[in-house]
Each structure stands twice: as C-alpha cells, then as structure tokens.
Amino acid sequence: MSRYFQQIRSLLTAEGRLSRYLVYAIGEIVLVMIRILMALQVNNWNLDRQDKKRETKFLNNIVLDLNKDLARLAYLVDFRKGQIAGDQQLIAFINGQPVTDISKVTYDVVNSLMEERFTPNNNTYRELSSSGNLNLISNDSIKLLLLELEELYKTNNFSIDHEAFDYREYISKPLNKHVDLD
C-alpha cells in the first residue's frame, strides 16, 4: 500500500502539480489519523473488556466471601443455641434440680465459658478499597451496599468487643474463682 502511495507522490512531484500533491498529502494525513483513531478505539475496547473481567472476578469473590460469612453465622447461631440450652440447664441445677450426670454439668459449665467470635470474611472488599479498584464495580447500588456492609461489620465488631469484655469481667472471672476447670 505504501509503495502505491510512493509512486503517486513521485508522479505528482515529477509533473509539477503542487496542488494535486497537497491534496494527496492531506489525504494521506487523514488516513494516518483514521488508523490512529481506530487503534485507540481497539485499545479502549480491550481495556474495557479486561475491566469487565476483573469486575466479574471481584463480584464472584464477594459472593464467595458472603457465603462463607453465612456459613459461619449459621454455625455461631447453632453454637449459641447450645450454650443457651446448657446455661438454662445450669440455672435449673442452681435452682434445685438434682444433678444426674456430672460430666454433662461440667460440659455445660465449660461450654458457657467458651467464646466464639464472628469475624467477617471481607478480604475482597478490603482488596478493592485498598487498591483503588472499587471504581471497577459499575453498579452504584452494589458499591453502596458494600460500603454499608463494611460499616455494619465495624459496628458489629465494636458490639462484640464490648460484649466479650463484659462477659469476661462479670461472668468468666468470678466463675473461675469458684470452679475448678481441671
């Protein structure tokens, strides 16, 4: 193609037709500009495609994180239900119900002293926010929900810290003075 343009240019300059040469030169400049714009468009399309892939990957990882959180919360709900049942049995023993199985009482006492804590699995969100990639999420409502969830996690963590402190100070420490866990 360039050989063809070189032949036209040499013919036009040899014949002394400057006006035709200028038209030819402007046409060649326009063609170069069109090629550059097309290359930029293809590059932009490729970058957008890569960003969409990364967004999909991040969203899938967020779903995995949330499913792990749900499984952990389900376990903690069951664990706490067991603790409540054991604590109610201990209260019944304190109120005078006869003890028939000392190992069950021991289990209930030890189980009531155990602390199980919910720690959110928000690794993907932290990666998104710390790397500046949160703008990859194109859906604004998802971004807003992620920000609200992170705030909820912070509030929940504060409440859990407060609850754990109260539990240790007012239940575990006094009980440890009166119970031999060995």
N, C-alpha and C. Protein backbone atom coordinates (compact mmCIF):
# COMPACT_ATOMS: atom_id res chain seq x y z
N MET A 1 0.83 -1.18 0.00
CA MET A 1 0.00 0.00 0.00
C MET A 1 0.88 1.25 0.00
N SER A 2 1.93 1.24 0.85
CA SER A 2 2.80 2.42 0.90
C SER A 2 3.57 2.58 -0.41
N ARG A 3 3.89 1.47 -1.08
CA ARG A 3 4.58 1.56 -2.37
C ARG A 3 3.70 2.28 -3.40
N TYR A 4 2.40 1.99 -3.34
CA TYR A 4 1.45 2.64 -4.24
C TYR A 4 1.42 4.15 -3.99
N PHE A 5 1.40 4.55 -2.72
CA PHE A 5 1.40 5.98 -2.39
C PHE A 5 2.72 6.65 -2.80
N GLN A 6 3.81 5.93 -2.67
CA GLN A 6 5.10 6.50 -3.07
C GLN A 6 5.14 6.74 -4.58
N GLN A 7 4.56 5.84 -5.35
CA GLN A 7 4.53 6.03 -6.81
C GLN A 7 3.67 7.24 -7.17
N ILE A 8 2.54 7.40 -6.53
CA ILE A 8 1.67 8.55 -6.81
C ILE A 8 2.39 9.84 -6.45
N ARG A 9 3.06 9.87 -5.33
CA ARG A 9 3.78 11.06 -4.89
C ARG A 9 4.89 11.42 -5.87
N SER A 10 5.63 10.43 -6.29
CA SER A 10 6.74 10.72 -7.22
C SER A 10 6.21 11.21 -8.56
N LEU A 11 5.09 10.66 -9.05
CA LEU A 11 4.49 11.12 -10.30
C LEU A 11 4.00 12.57 -10.19
N LEU A 12 3.34 12.86 -9.07
CA LEU A 12 2.79 14.21 -8.90
C LEU A 12 3.89 15.26 -8.76
N THR A 13 4.93 14.94 -8.03
CA THR A 13 6.02 15.90 -7.88
C THR A 13 6.82 16.02 -9.17
N ALA A 14 6.92 14.93 -9.95
CA ALA A 14 7.67 14.97 -11.22
C ALA A 14 6.92 15.81 -12.25
N GLU A 15 5.60 15.76 -12.24
CA GLU A 15 4.81 16.52 -13.20
C GLU A 15 4.67 17.98 -12.80
N GLY A 16 5.05 18.30 -11.56
CA GLY A 16 4.98 19.68 -11.10
C GLY A 16 3.58 20.12 -10.70
N ARG A 17 2.77 19.21 -10.32
CA ARG A 17 1.41 19.55 -9.90
C ARG A 17 1.36 19.64 -8.38
N LEU A 18 1.66 20.78 -7.89
CA LEU A 18 1.73 21.01 -6.45
C LEU A 18 0.36 20.90 -5.79
N SER A 19 -0.67 21.42 -6.43
CA SER A 19 -2.00 21.38 -5.81
C SER A 19 -2.48 19.93 -5.67
N ARG A 20 -2.23 19.10 -6.66
CA ARG A 20 -2.61 17.69 -6.55
C ARG A 20 -1.77 17.00 -5.48
N TYR A 21 -0.51 17.36 -5.37
CA TYR A 21 0.34 16.77 -4.35
C TYR A 21 -0.16 17.13 -2.96
N LEU A 22 -0.59 18.38 -2.78
CA LEU A 22 -1.12 18.80 -1.47
C LEU A 22 -2.39 18.03 -1.13
N VAL A 23 -3.27 17.82 -2.11
CA VAL A 23 -4.48 17.03 -1.87
C VAL A 23 -4.09 15.61 -1.48
N TYR A 24 -3.12 15.07 -2.19
CA TYR A 24 -2.63 13.74 -1.87
C TYR A 24 -2.06 13.70 -0.45
N ALA A 25 -1.26 14.69 -0.07
CA ALA A 25 -0.63 14.73 1.26
C ALA A 25 -1.70 14.82 2.35
N ILE A 26 -2.70 15.67 2.12
CA ILE A 26 -3.78 15.80 3.11
C ILE A 26 -4.54 14.48 3.22
N GLY A 27 -4.78 13.83 2.11
CA GLY A 27 -5.46 12.52 2.13
C GLY A 27 -4.66 11.49 2.91
N GLU A 28 -3.35 11.50 2.73
CA GLU A 28 -2.51 10.55 3.46
C GLU A 28 -2.53 10.85 4.96
N ILE A 29 -2.51 12.13 5.31
CA ILE A 29 -2.57 12.52 6.73
C ILE A 29 -3.89 12.05 7.34
N VAL A 30 -4.99 12.23 6.60
CA VAL A 30 -6.30 11.79 7.09
C VAL A 30 -6.32 10.28 7.30
N LEU A 31 -5.74 9.54 6.36
CA LEU A 31 -5.69 8.08 6.51
C LEU A 31 -4.88 7.67 7.73
N VAL A 32 -3.76 8.34 7.99
CA VAL A 32 -2.95 8.03 9.17
C VAL A 32 -3.74 8.33 10.44
N MET A 33 -4.46 9.46 10.44
CA MET A 33 -5.26 9.82 11.61
C MET A 33 -6.37 8.79 11.85
N ILE A 34 -6.98 8.33 10.77
CA ILE A 34 -8.04 7.31 10.91
C ILE A 34 -7.46 6.03 11.50
N ARG A 35 -6.28 5.63 11.03
CA ARG A 35 -5.64 4.42 11.58
C ARG A 35 -5.32 4.59 13.06
N ILE A 36 -4.83 5.76 13.43
CA ILE A 36 -4.51 6.01 14.84
C ILE A 36 -5.78 5.95 15.69
N LEU A 37 -6.85 6.59 15.23
CA LEU A 37 -8.10 6.58 15.97
C LEU A 37 -8.68 5.17 16.09
N MET A 38 -8.55 4.39 15.04
CA MET A 38 -9.02 3.00 15.10
C MET A 38 -8.20 2.20 16.11
N ALA A 39 -6.89 2.40 16.12
CA ALA A 39 -6.04 1.69 17.07
C ALA A 39 -6.38 2.09 18.50
N LEU A 40 -6.64 3.37 18.74
CA LEU A 40 -7.05 3.82 20.08
C LEU A 40 -8.38 3.20 20.48
N GLN A 41 -9.30 3.13 19.55
CA GLN A 41 -10.61 2.55 19.85
C GLN A 41 -10.49 1.07 20.20
N VAL A 42 -9.67 0.34 19.46
CA VAL A 42 -9.46 -1.08 19.76
C VAL A 42 -8.80 -1.22 21.12
N ASN A 43 -7.84 -0.37 21.43
CA ASN A 43 -7.17 -0.41 22.74
C ASN A 43 -8.17 -0.13 23.86
N ASN A 44 -9.01 0.89 23.69
CA ASN A 44 -10.03 1.21 24.71
C ASN A 44 -11.01 0.06 24.89
N TRP A 45 -11.40 -0.55 23.79
CA TRP A 45 -12.31 -1.68 23.87
C TRP A 45 -11.67 -2.83 24.65
N ASN A 46 -10.39 -3.08 24.38
CA ASN A 46 -9.67 -4.15 25.07
C ASN A 46 -9.56 -3.86 26.57
N LEU A 47 -9.25 -2.60 26.93
CA LEU A 47 -9.17 -2.23 28.34
C LEU A 47 -10.52 -2.39 29.03
N ASP A 48 -11.60 -1.97 28.37
CA ASP A 48 -12.94 -2.13 28.94
C ASP A 48 -13.28 -3.61 29.15
N ARG A 49 -12.90 -4.44 28.19
CA ARG A 49 -13.16 -5.87 28.30
C ARG A 49 -12.39 -6.46 29.49
N GLN A 50 -11.14 -6.03 29.67
CA GLN A 50 -10.35 -6.52 30.81
C GLN A 50 -10.93 -6.04 32.13
N ASP A 51 -11.40 -4.79 32.17
CA ASP A 51 -12.03 -4.27 33.39
C ASP A 51 -13.30 -5.03 33.73
N LYS A 52 -14.08 -5.39 32.73
CA LYS A 52 -15.30 -6.18 32.96
C LYS A 52 -14.96 -7.55 33.53
N LYS A 53 -13.89 -8.16 33.02
CA LYS A 53 -13.46 -9.46 33.55
C LYS A 53 -13.05 -9.33 35.02
N ARG A 54 -12.29 -8.28 35.32
CA ARG A 54 -11.86 -8.06 36.71
C ARG A 54 -13.05 -7.78 37.61
N GLU A 55 -14.01 -6.98 37.11
CA GLU A 55 -15.22 -6.70 37.89
C GLU A 55 -15.97 -7.99 38.20
N THR A 56 -16.14 -8.84 37.20
CA THR A 56 -16.83 -10.11 37.39
C THR A 56 -16.10 -10.97 38.41
N LYS A 57 -14.78 -10.99 38.33
CA LYS A 57 -14.00 -11.78 39.29
C LYS A 57 -14.19 -11.25 40.71
N PHE A 58 -14.12 -9.92 40.87
CA PHE A 58 -14.31 -9.34 42.20
C PHE A 58 -15.71 -9.62 42.73
N LEU A 59 -16.72 -9.49 41.89
CA LEU A 59 -18.10 -9.73 42.33
C LEU A 59 -18.29 -11.20 42.72
N ASN A 60 -17.71 -12.11 41.96
CA ASN A 60 -17.79 -13.54 42.32
C ASN A 60 -17.10 -13.79 43.65
N ASN A 61 -15.96 -13.15 43.88
CA ASN A 61 -15.26 -13.33 45.15
C ASN A 61 -16.05 -12.74 46.32
N ILE A 62 -16.75 -11.64 46.08
CA ILE A 62 -17.59 -11.06 47.13
C ILE A 62 -18.71 -12.03 47.49
N VAL A 63 -19.31 -12.66 46.48
CA VAL A 63 -20.36 -13.65 46.74
C VAL A 63 -19.78 -14.81 47.56
N LEU A 64 -18.59 -15.27 47.22
CA LEU A 64 -17.95 -16.34 47.99
C LEU A 64 -17.71 -15.91 49.44
N ASP A 65 -17.22 -14.67 49.62
CA ASP A 65 -16.99 -14.16 50.98
C ASP A 65 -18.29 -14.12 51.77
N LEU A 66 -19.36 -13.66 51.15
CA LEU A 66 -20.65 -13.57 51.84
C LEU A 66 -21.20 -14.96 52.17
N ASN A 67 -21.01 -15.92 51.28
CA ASN A 67 -21.45 -17.29 51.57
C ASN A 67 -20.67 -17.89 52.73
N LYS A 68 -19.37 -17.59 52.80
CA LYS A 68 -18.58 -18.05 53.95
C LYS A 68 -19.08 -17.40 55.24
N ASP A 69 -19.41 -16.12 55.16
CA ASP A 69 -19.96 -15.43 56.34
C ASP A 69 -21.28 -16.06 56.77
N LEU A 70 -22.14 -16.38 55.81
CA LEU A 70 -23.43 -17.01 56.15
C LEU A 70 -23.22 -18.36 56.82
N ALA A 71 -22.27 -19.15 56.31
CA ALA A 71 -22.00 -20.45 56.92
C ALA A 71 -21.46 -20.28 58.34
N ARG A 72 -20.57 -19.33 58.52
CA ARG A 72 -20.02 -19.08 59.86
C ARG A 72 -21.10 -18.60 60.82
N LEU A 73 -21.98 -17.71 60.34
CA LEU A 73 -23.06 -17.22 61.19
C LEU A 73 -24.03 -18.34 61.54
N ALA A 74 -24.32 -19.23 60.61
CA ALA A 74 -25.20 -20.36 60.91
C ALA A 74 -24.58 -21.24 61.99
N TYR A 75 -23.27 -21.47 61.88
CA TYR A 75 -22.58 -22.25 62.91
C TYR A 75 -22.68 -21.54 64.27
N LEU A 76 -22.44 -20.23 64.28
CA LEU A 76 -22.47 -19.48 65.54
C LEU A 76 -23.87 -19.46 66.16
N VAL A 77 -24.89 -19.38 65.32
CA VAL A 77 -26.27 -19.43 65.85
C VAL A 77 -26.51 -20.78 66.53
N ASP A 78 -26.10 -21.86 65.89
CA ASP A 78 -26.26 -23.18 66.50
C ASP A 78 -25.44 -23.31 67.78
N PHE A 79 -24.22 -22.78 67.75
CA PHE A 79 -23.35 -22.83 68.93
C PHE A 79 -23.99 -22.07 70.09
N ARG A 80 -24.51 -20.89 69.81
CA ARG A 80 -25.13 -20.08 70.87
C ARG A 80 -26.42 -20.73 71.38
N LYS A 81 -27.17 -21.37 70.50
CA LYS A 81 -28.37 -22.09 70.95
C LYS A 81 -27.98 -23.20 71.93
N GLY A 82 -26.88 -23.90 71.61
CA GLY A 82 -26.38 -24.93 72.52
C GLY A 82 -25.93 -24.35 73.84
N GLN A 83 -25.28 -23.18 73.78
CA GLN A 83 -24.85 -22.52 75.01
C GLN A 83 -26.06 -22.11 75.85
N ILE A 84 -27.07 -21.59 75.21
CA ILE A 84 -28.28 -21.16 75.94
C ILE A 84 -28.95 -22.36 76.61
N ALA A 85 -29.06 -23.46 75.88
CA ALA A 85 -29.67 -24.66 76.46
C ALA A 85 -28.86 -25.14 77.67
N GLY A 86 -27.54 -25.14 77.53
CA GLY A 86 -26.69 -25.54 78.66
C GLY A 86 -26.79 -24.58 79.82
N ASP A 87 -26.85 -23.29 79.53
CA ASP A 87 -26.98 -22.29 80.59
C ASP A 87 -28.32 -22.42 81.32
N GLN A 88 -29.38 -22.73 80.56
CA GLN A 88 -30.68 -22.93 81.19
C GLN A 88 -30.66 -24.17 82.10
N GLN A 89 -29.95 -25.18 81.66
CA GLN A 89 -29.82 -26.38 82.50
C GLN A 89 -29.03 -26.06 83.76
N LEU A 90 -27.97 -25.26 83.64
CA LEU A 90 -27.19 -24.86 84.83
C LEU A 90 -28.06 -24.05 85.79
N ILE A 91 -28.88 -23.17 85.26
CA ILE A 91 -29.78 -22.38 86.11
C ILE A 91 -30.76 -23.31 86.83
N ALA A 92 -31.24 -24.32 86.13
CA ALA A 92 -32.15 -25.29 86.77
C ALA A 92 -31.43 -26.02 87.90
N PHE A 93 -30.14 -26.36 87.70
CA PHE A 93 -29.39 -27.02 88.76
C PHE A 93 -29.20 -26.08 89.95
N ILE A 94 -28.93 -24.81 89.67
CA ILE A 94 -28.76 -23.82 90.75
C ILE A 94 -30.06 -23.67 91.52
N ASN A 95 -31.19 -23.77 90.83
CA ASN A 95 -32.50 -23.61 91.47
C ASN A 95 -32.98 -24.89 92.16
N GLY A 96 -32.16 -25.91 92.17
CA GLY A 96 -32.51 -27.08 92.96
C GLY A 96 -32.78 -28.35 92.20
N GLN A 97 -32.77 -28.35 90.92
CA GLN A 97 -32.97 -29.59 90.17
C GLN A 97 -31.80 -30.52 90.48
N PRO A 98 -32.06 -31.79 90.73
CA PRO A 98 -30.96 -32.69 91.08
C PRO A 98 -30.04 -32.97 89.88
N VAL A 99 -28.76 -33.09 90.17
CA VAL A 99 -27.75 -33.38 89.14
C VAL A 99 -27.66 -34.89 88.98
N THR A 100 -27.89 -35.33 87.75
CA THR A 100 -27.82 -36.77 87.49
C THR A 100 -26.55 -37.16 86.74
N ASP A 101 -26.00 -36.22 85.96
CA ASP A 101 -24.82 -36.52 85.15
C ASP A 101 -23.81 -35.40 85.36
N ILE A 102 -22.79 -35.67 86.15
CA ILE A 102 -21.80 -34.65 86.48
C ILE A 102 -20.98 -34.25 85.26
N SER A 103 -20.77 -35.16 84.32
CA SER A 103 -19.99 -34.80 83.12
C SER A 103 -20.78 -33.83 82.24
N LYS A 104 -22.11 -33.97 82.24
CA LYS A 104 -22.95 -33.03 81.48
C LYS A 104 -22.88 -31.64 82.11
N VAL A 105 -22.89 -31.59 83.43
CA VAL A 105 -22.78 -30.30 84.13
C VAL A 105 -21.43 -29.67 83.83
N THR A 106 -20.38 -30.47 83.87
CA THR A 106 -19.04 -29.97 83.57
C THR A 106 -18.98 -29.43 82.15
N TYR A 107 -19.55 -30.19 81.21
CA TYR A 107 -19.59 -29.75 79.82
C TYR A 107 -20.32 -28.42 79.69
N ASP A 108 -21.48 -28.30 80.35
CA ASP A 108 -22.26 -27.06 80.26
C ASP A 108 -21.51 -25.87 80.86
N VAL A 109 -20.80 -26.09 81.95
CA VAL A 109 -20.02 -25.01 82.57
C VAL A 109 -18.90 -24.57 81.63
N VAL A 110 -18.15 -25.52 81.10
CA VAL A 110 -17.04 -25.19 80.20
C VAL A 110 -17.59 -24.55 78.92
N ASN A 111 -18.69 -25.09 78.41
CA ASN A 111 -19.27 -24.55 77.19
C ASN A 111 -19.77 -23.13 77.39
N SER A 112 -20.28 -22.83 78.58
CA SER A 112 -20.77 -21.47 78.83
C SER A 112 -19.62 -20.46 78.91
N LEU A 113 -18.41 -20.95 79.19
CA LEU A 113 -17.26 -20.07 79.27
C LEU A 113 -16.57 -19.84 77.92
N MET A 114 -16.94 -20.64 76.93
CA MET A 114 -16.28 -20.54 75.63
C MET A 114 -16.78 -19.31 74.88
N GLU A 115 -15.85 -18.67 74.20
CA GLU A 115 -16.20 -17.52 73.37
C GLU A 115 -15.98 -17.88 71.91
N GLU A 116 -17.00 -17.76 71.12
CA GLU A 116 -16.91 -17.92 69.67
C GLU A 116 -17.23 -16.57 69.07
N ARG A 117 -16.37 -16.10 68.22
CA ARG A 117 -16.49 -14.75 67.70
C ARG A 117 -16.70 -14.78 66.19
N PHE A 118 -17.58 -13.90 65.74
CA PHE A 118 -17.79 -13.75 64.30
C PHE A 118 -16.77 -12.75 63.77
N THR A 119 -15.98 -13.21 62.82
CA THR A 119 -15.04 -12.34 62.13
C THR A 119 -15.43 -12.35 60.67
N PRO A 120 -15.85 -11.20 60.14
CA PRO A 120 -16.32 -11.18 58.75
C PRO A 120 -15.20 -11.51 57.78
N ASN A 121 -15.59 -12.17 56.71
CA ASN A 121 -14.65 -12.52 55.66
C ASN A 121 -14.80 -11.47 54.56
N ASN A 122 -14.18 -10.32 54.77
CA ASN A 122 -14.32 -9.22 53.81
C ASN A 122 -13.00 -8.93 53.10
N ASN A 123 -12.28 -9.98 52.78
CA ASN A 123 -10.98 -9.83 52.12
C ASN A 123 -11.11 -9.16 50.75
N THR A 124 -12.11 -9.55 49.99
CA THR A 124 -12.28 -8.98 48.65
C THR A 124 -12.59 -7.50 48.72
N TYR A 125 -13.47 -7.12 49.65
CA TYR A 125 -13.80 -5.70 49.79
C TYR A 125 -12.56 -4.90 50.20
N ARG A 126 -11.80 -5.43 51.14
CA ARG A 126 -10.58 -4.72 51.57
C ARG A 126 -9.60 -4.59 50.42
N GLU A 127 -9.47 -5.63 49.60
CA GLU A 127 -8.59 -5.56 48.44
C GLU A 127 -9.08 -4.50 47.45
N LEU A 128 -10.39 -4.47 47.22
CA LEU A 128 -10.97 -3.47 46.32
C LEU A 128 -10.71 -2.05 46.81
N SER A 129 -10.95 -1.83 48.09
CA SER A 129 -10.83 -0.47 48.61
C SER A 129 -9.38 -0.04 48.78
N SER A 130 -8.51 -0.95 49.19
CA SER A 130 -7.12 -0.55 49.41
C SER A 130 -6.35 -0.38 48.11
N SER A 131 -6.74 -1.10 47.06
CA SER A 131 -6.03 -0.98 45.78
C SER A 131 -6.63 0.10 44.89
N GLY A 132 -7.73 0.70 45.32
CA GLY A 132 -8.36 1.74 44.50
C GLY A 132 -9.18 1.17 43.36
N ASN A 133 -9.50 -0.11 43.44
CA ASN A 133 -10.25 -0.76 42.37
C ASN A 133 -11.76 -0.77 42.62
N LEU A 134 -12.22 -0.08 43.64
CA LEU A 134 -13.65 -0.06 43.91
C LEU A 134 -14.42 0.55 42.75
N ASN A 135 -13.75 1.40 41.97
CA ASN A 135 -14.41 2.01 40.82
C ASN A 135 -14.65 1.01 39.69
N LEU A 136 -14.08 -0.21 39.79
CA LEU A 136 -14.36 -1.24 38.79
C LEU A 136 -15.81 -1.72 38.88
N ILE A 137 -16.40 -1.62 40.07
CA ILE A 137 -17.80 -2.04 40.25
C ILE A 137 -18.67 -0.98 39.59
N SER A 138 -19.31 -1.36 38.52
CA SER A 138 -20.07 -0.38 37.73
C SER A 138 -21.45 -0.11 38.31
N ASN A 139 -21.99 -1.02 39.08
CA ASN A 139 -23.32 -0.85 39.65
C ASN A 139 -23.20 -0.06 40.96
N ASP A 140 -23.76 1.16 40.96
CA ASP A 140 -23.63 2.03 42.14
C ASP A 140 -24.35 1.47 43.36
N SER A 141 -25.45 0.76 43.15
CA SER A 141 -26.17 0.21 44.30
C SER A 141 -25.35 -0.90 44.98
N ILE A 142 -24.60 -1.67 44.19
CA ILE A 142 -23.73 -2.69 44.78
C ILE A 142 -22.62 -2.02 45.58
N LYS A 143 -22.05 -0.96 45.03
CA LYS A 143 -21.00 -0.23 45.76
C LYS A 143 -21.54 0.29 47.09
N LEU A 144 -22.73 0.87 47.04
CA LEU A 144 -23.34 1.42 48.25
C LEU A 144 -23.61 0.32 49.27
N LEU A 145 -24.12 -0.81 48.81
CA LEU A 145 -24.37 -1.93 49.73
C LEU A 145 -23.07 -2.46 50.34
N LEU A 146 -22.00 -2.49 49.55
CA LEU A 146 -20.71 -2.93 50.09
C LEU A 146 -20.20 -1.97 51.16
N LEU A 147 -20.35 -0.68 50.92
CA LEU A 147 -19.93 0.31 51.92
C LEU A 147 -20.77 0.20 53.19
N GLU A 148 -22.08 0.01 53.03
CA GLU A 148 -22.95 -0.15 54.19
C GLU A 148 -22.62 -1.42 54.96
N LEU A 149 -22.32 -2.50 54.24
CA LEU A 149 -21.96 -3.76 54.89
C LEU A 149 -20.67 -3.60 55.68
N GLU A 150 -19.72 -2.88 55.13
CA GLU A 150 -18.45 -2.66 55.84
C GLU A 150 -18.70 -1.87 57.13
N GLU A 151 -19.56 -0.87 57.07
CA GLU A 151 -19.90 -0.10 58.28
C GLU A 151 -20.63 -0.98 59.29
N LEU A 152 -21.50 -1.85 58.80
CA LEU A 152 -22.21 -2.77 59.69
C LEU A 152 -21.22 -3.72 60.37
N TYR A 153 -20.23 -4.19 59.62
CA TYR A 153 -19.19 -5.05 60.21
C TYR A 153 -18.44 -4.30 61.31
N LYS A 154 -18.11 -3.04 61.06
CA LYS A 154 -17.39 -2.27 62.09
C LYS A 154 -18.24 -2.10 63.34
N THR A 155 -19.50 -1.76 63.17
CA THR A 155 -20.41 -1.60 64.30
C THR A 155 -20.56 -2.91 65.05
N ASN A 156 -20.72 -4.01 64.31
CA ASN A 156 -20.85 -5.33 64.91
C ASN A 156 -19.59 -5.69 65.69
N ASN A 157 -18.43 -5.40 65.13
CA ASN A 157 -17.18 -5.69 65.82
C ASN A 157 -17.08 -4.94 67.14
N PHE A 158 -17.50 -3.68 67.13
CA PHE A 158 -17.48 -2.89 68.36
C PHE A 158 -18.40 -3.52 69.40
N SER A 159 -19.59 -3.92 68.98
CA SER A 159 -20.54 -4.54 69.91
C SER A 159 -20.00 -5.85 70.46
N ILE A 160 -19.37 -6.64 69.60
CA ILE A 160 -18.81 -7.91 70.04
C ILE A 160 -17.68 -7.67 71.03
N ASP A 161 -16.83 -6.69 70.77
CA ASP A 161 -15.75 -6.37 71.71
C ASP A 161 -16.32 -5.99 73.07
N HIS A 162 -17.36 -5.17 73.07
CA HIS A 162 -18.00 -4.73 74.32
C HIS A 162 -18.62 -5.93 75.04
N GLU A 163 -19.32 -6.77 74.31
CA GLU A 163 -19.96 -7.95 74.89
C GLU A 163 -18.91 -8.90 75.47
N ALA A 164 -17.83 -9.12 74.73
CA ALA A 164 -16.77 -10.04 75.19
C ALA A 164 -16.11 -9.51 76.45
N PHE A 165 -15.89 -8.20 76.53
CA PHE A 165 -15.29 -7.61 77.72
C PHE A 165 -16.21 -7.81 78.92
N ASP A 166 -17.50 -7.48 78.74
CA ASP A 166 -18.46 -7.65 79.84
C ASP A 166 -18.54 -9.11 80.27
N TYR A 167 -18.55 -10.01 79.33
CA TYR A 167 -18.65 -11.43 79.63
C TYR A 167 -17.44 -11.88 80.46
N ARG A 168 -16.25 -11.47 80.02
CA ARG A 168 -15.04 -11.86 80.76
C ARG A 168 -15.03 -11.26 82.15
N GLU A 169 -15.38 -10.01 82.27
CA GLU A 169 -15.30 -9.31 83.56
C GLU A 169 -16.36 -9.78 84.56
N TYR A 170 -17.58 -10.00 84.09
CA TYR A 170 -18.69 -10.23 85.02
C TYR A 170 -19.13 -11.68 85.12
N ILE A 171 -18.69 -12.53 84.21
CA ILE A 171 -19.10 -13.93 84.28
C ILE A 171 -17.89 -14.86 84.41
N SER A 172 -16.95 -14.75 83.46
CA SER A 172 -15.83 -15.70 83.45
C SER A 172 -14.93 -15.56 84.66
N LYS A 173 -14.50 -14.34 84.95
CA LYS A 173 -13.57 -14.16 86.08
C LYS A 173 -14.18 -14.59 87.41
N PRO A 174 -15.39 -14.14 87.75
CA PRO A 174 -15.96 -14.61 89.02
C PRO A 174 -16.19 -16.12 89.06
N LEU A 175 -16.61 -16.70 87.93
CA LEU A 175 -16.86 -18.13 87.90
C LEU A 175 -15.57 -18.91 88.05
N ASN A 176 -14.49 -18.44 87.46
CA ASN A 176 -13.21 -19.14 87.56
C ASN A 176 -12.70 -19.20 89.00
N LYS A 177 -13.14 -18.25 89.84
CA LYS A 177 -12.73 -18.28 91.26
C LYS A 177 -13.41 -19.43 92.00
N HIS A 178 -14.59 -19.85 91.50
CA HIS A 178 -15.36 -20.84 92.24
C HIS A 178 -15.39 -22.21 91.57
N VAL A 179 -14.86 -22.30 90.36
CA VAL A 179 -14.94 -23.56 89.62
C VAL A 179 -13.54 -24.02 89.27
N ASP A 180 -13.29 -25.29 89.52
CA ASP A 180 -12.03 -25.90 89.12
C ASP A 180 -12.26 -26.58 87.76
N LEU A 181 -11.72 -25.97 86.69
CA LEU A 181 -11.98 -26.49 85.35
C LEU A 181 -11.18 -27.74 85.04
N ASP A 182 -10.25 -28.09 85.88
CA ASP A 182 -9.48 -29.32 85.64
C ASP A 182 -10.25 -30.49 86.18
